[in-house]
N, C-alpha and C. Protein backbone atom coordinates (compact mmCIF):
# COMPACT_ATOMS: atom_id res chain seq x y z
N MET A 1 117.26 76.52 97.82
CA MET A 1 115.98 76.23 98.44
C MET A 1 115.27 75.22 97.55
N SER A 2 114.79 74.16 98.15
CA SER A 2 114.12 73.12 97.38
C SER A 2 112.72 73.56 96.97
N ALA A 3 112.20 72.87 95.98
CA ALA A 3 110.85 73.19 95.50
C ALA A 3 109.82 73.01 96.61
N GLU A 4 110.03 72.01 97.44
CA GLU A 4 109.09 71.76 98.55
C GLU A 4 109.11 72.92 99.54
N ARG A 5 110.29 73.43 99.86
CA ARG A 5 110.38 74.56 100.79
C ARG A 5 109.77 75.82 100.19
N ILE A 6 109.95 76.00 98.89
CA ILE A 6 109.34 77.15 98.22
C ILE A 6 107.83 77.05 98.29
N THR A 7 107.32 75.87 98.02
CA THR A 7 105.87 75.65 98.08
C THR A 7 105.34 75.90 99.48
N GLN A 8 106.07 75.42 100.49
CA GLN A 8 105.66 75.64 101.87
C GLN A 8 105.67 77.13 102.21
N ALA A 9 106.69 77.83 101.75
CA ALA A 9 106.77 79.27 102.00
C ALA A 9 105.61 80.00 101.34
N MET A 10 105.31 79.64 100.11
CA MET A 10 104.20 80.27 99.40
C MET A 10 102.87 79.96 100.10
N ASP A 11 102.71 78.75 100.60
CA ASP A 11 101.50 78.39 101.34
C ASP A 11 101.36 79.24 102.61
N ARG A 12 102.48 79.44 103.32
CA ARG A 12 102.44 80.27 104.53
C ARG A 12 102.07 81.71 104.17
N ILE A 13 102.61 82.20 103.08
CA ILE A 13 102.28 83.56 102.64
C ILE A 13 100.80 83.67 102.30
N ASP A 14 100.29 82.67 101.56
CA ASP A 14 98.86 82.67 101.21
C ASP A 14 97.98 82.66 102.45
N ARG A 15 98.35 81.85 103.44
CA ARG A 15 97.56 81.79 104.68
C ARG A 15 97.62 83.12 105.43
N ALA A 16 98.81 83.74 105.44
CA ALA A 16 98.95 85.03 106.12
C ALA A 16 98.11 86.09 105.43
N LEU A 17 98.14 86.11 104.10
CA LEU A 17 97.32 87.07 103.36
C LEU A 17 95.83 86.84 103.62
N SER A 18 95.43 85.60 103.72
CA SER A 18 94.03 85.29 104.01
C SER A 18 93.64 85.83 105.38
N ARG A 19 94.54 85.66 106.36
CA ARG A 19 94.25 86.19 107.70
C ARG A 19 94.14 87.71 107.67
N ILE A 20 95.04 88.35 106.92
CA ILE A 20 95.00 89.81 106.82
C ILE A 20 93.69 90.25 106.18
N GLU A 21 93.28 89.59 105.10
CA GLU A 21 92.04 89.94 104.43
C GLU A 21 90.84 89.74 105.35
N THR A 22 90.85 88.67 106.12
CA THR A 22 89.75 88.41 107.05
C THR A 22 89.67 89.50 108.10
N GLN A 23 90.81 89.87 108.67
CA GLN A 23 90.82 90.92 109.68
C GLN A 23 90.39 92.26 109.09
N ALA A 24 90.81 92.55 107.87
CA ALA A 24 90.41 93.79 107.22
C ALA A 24 88.90 93.82 107.01
N ALA A 25 88.34 92.70 106.58
CA ALA A 25 86.89 92.62 106.37
C ALA A 25 86.15 92.78 107.70
N LEU A 26 86.65 92.13 108.74
CA LEU A 26 86.01 92.26 110.06
C LEU A 26 86.11 93.70 110.55
N SER A 27 87.24 94.34 110.31
CA SER A 27 87.41 95.72 110.73
C SER A 27 86.45 96.65 109.99
N ARG A 28 86.32 96.43 108.68
CA ARG A 28 85.38 97.25 107.90
C ARG A 28 83.96 97.04 108.41
N HIS A 29 83.60 95.80 108.67
CA HIS A 29 82.26 95.48 109.15
C HIS A 29 82.03 96.16 110.50
N SER A 30 83.03 96.07 111.37
CA SER A 30 82.93 96.68 112.69
C SER A 30 82.81 98.19 112.58
N SER A 31 83.61 98.79 111.69
CA SER A 31 83.57 100.25 111.51
C SER A 31 82.22 100.69 110.97
N ASN A 32 81.67 99.93 110.04
CA ASN A 32 80.37 100.28 109.47
C ASN A 32 79.26 100.14 110.50
N ALA A 33 79.42 99.22 111.44
CA ALA A 33 78.39 98.98 112.43
C ALA A 33 78.44 100.01 113.57
N SER A 34 79.59 100.63 113.78
CA SER A 34 79.69 101.58 114.89
C SER A 34 79.00 102.88 114.53
N SER A 35 78.38 103.50 115.52
CA SER A 35 77.64 104.73 115.26
C SER A 35 78.52 105.96 115.36
N ASP A 36 79.68 105.88 116.00
CA ASP A 36 80.55 107.05 116.15
C ASP A 36 81.76 106.92 115.23
N ASN A 37 81.49 106.87 113.93
CA ASN A 37 82.53 106.73 112.91
C ASN A 37 83.35 108.01 112.84
N ASP A 38 84.66 107.89 113.07
CA ASP A 38 85.55 109.05 113.10
C ASP A 38 86.29 109.16 111.78
N ASP A 39 86.01 110.23 111.02
CA ASP A 39 86.63 110.42 109.70
C ASP A 39 88.15 110.53 109.79
N ALA A 40 88.66 111.22 110.80
CA ALA A 40 90.11 111.35 110.96
C ALA A 40 90.74 109.99 111.23
N GLY A 41 90.10 109.21 112.06
CA GLY A 41 90.59 107.85 112.35
C GLY A 41 90.57 106.99 111.11
N ASP A 42 89.53 107.15 110.29
CA ASP A 42 89.44 106.40 109.04
C ASP A 42 90.56 106.79 108.09
N SER A 43 90.89 108.07 108.06
CA SER A 43 91.96 108.55 107.19
C SER A 43 93.30 107.96 107.60
N VAL A 44 93.56 107.95 108.89
CA VAL A 44 94.82 107.37 109.40
C VAL A 44 94.85 105.89 109.08
N LEU A 45 93.73 105.21 109.31
CA LEU A 45 93.67 103.78 109.02
C LEU A 45 93.89 103.51 107.54
N ALA A 46 93.31 104.33 106.69
CA ALA A 46 93.49 104.15 105.24
C ALA A 46 94.95 104.36 104.85
N GLN A 47 95.60 105.33 105.46
CA GLN A 47 97.02 105.56 105.17
C GLN A 47 97.87 104.38 105.64
N ARG A 48 97.57 103.86 106.82
CA ARG A 48 98.31 102.70 107.33
C ARG A 48 98.08 101.48 106.44
N HIS A 49 96.84 101.31 106.00
CA HIS A 49 96.52 100.20 105.12
C HIS A 49 97.31 100.29 103.82
N GLU A 50 97.36 101.48 103.24
CA GLU A 50 98.09 101.67 101.99
C GLU A 50 99.58 101.40 102.17
N ALA A 51 100.14 101.86 103.28
CA ALA A 51 101.57 101.61 103.55
C ALA A 51 101.83 100.11 103.71
N LEU A 52 100.95 99.42 104.42
CA LEU A 52 101.10 97.98 104.60
C LEU A 52 100.95 97.26 103.27
N ARG A 53 99.98 97.68 102.46
CA ARG A 53 99.78 97.06 101.16
C ARG A 53 101.03 97.21 100.29
N GLU A 54 101.63 98.38 100.32
CA GLU A 54 102.84 98.61 99.54
C GLU A 54 104.00 97.75 100.04
N GLN A 55 104.11 97.58 101.35
CA GLN A 55 105.17 96.74 101.91
C GLN A 55 104.97 95.28 101.50
N VAL A 56 103.74 94.82 101.57
CA VAL A 56 103.44 93.43 101.18
C VAL A 56 103.72 93.23 99.70
N GLU A 57 103.31 94.19 98.88
CA GLU A 57 103.55 94.11 97.44
C GLU A 57 105.04 94.04 97.14
N SER A 58 105.81 94.84 97.84
CA SER A 58 107.27 94.85 97.66
C SER A 58 107.88 93.52 98.09
N SER A 59 107.42 93.00 99.21
CA SER A 59 107.93 91.72 99.70
C SER A 59 107.60 90.58 98.74
N LEU A 60 106.39 90.59 98.22
CA LEU A 60 105.99 89.55 97.27
C LEU A 60 106.81 89.64 95.98
N ALA A 61 107.09 90.85 95.53
CA ALA A 61 107.92 91.02 94.34
C ALA A 61 109.32 90.49 94.59
N GLU A 62 109.84 90.75 95.78
CA GLU A 62 111.17 90.25 96.14
C GLU A 62 111.18 88.72 96.18
N LEU A 63 110.12 88.15 96.76
CA LEU A 63 110.01 86.68 96.79
C LEU A 63 109.94 86.10 95.38
N ASP A 64 109.17 86.75 94.51
CA ASP A 64 109.08 86.29 93.12
C ASP A 64 110.44 86.28 92.47
N THR A 65 111.22 87.34 92.69
CA THR A 65 112.56 87.43 92.12
C THR A 65 113.45 86.31 92.66
N LEU A 66 113.39 86.08 93.97
CA LEU A 66 114.20 85.02 94.56
C LEU A 66 113.81 83.64 94.02
N ILE A 67 112.52 83.42 93.89
CA ILE A 67 112.05 82.13 93.38
C ILE A 67 112.48 81.94 91.94
N GLU A 68 112.37 82.99 91.14
CA GLU A 68 112.80 82.90 89.74
C GLU A 68 114.29 82.59 89.65
N SER A 69 115.09 83.20 90.51
CA SER A 69 116.53 82.96 90.46
C SER A 69 116.86 81.53 90.88
N LEU A 70 116.05 80.94 91.75
CA LEU A 70 116.29 79.56 92.18
C LEU A 70 115.88 78.56 91.09
N GLU A 71 114.93 78.95 90.27
CA GLU A 71 114.45 78.04 89.22
C GLU A 71 115.44 77.94 88.06
N ARG A 72 116.39 78.85 87.99
CA ARG A 72 117.36 78.84 86.90
C ARG A 72 118.46 77.89 87.12
């Protein structure tokens, strides 16, 4: 994989993470604004968020490893 393709891939990842962060912020804002806040729903959402965060963290670590191996 060329350096340019790696850079493009990293840019796409950064943009995707930005979109995820934006949606998470909008969701939090929307949840705070709603008057019928459901604690059970919040718990499920928090669990899903944590699972997604762990998956993203794992994927980024894998990408780091792949990029390091290409730089050698």
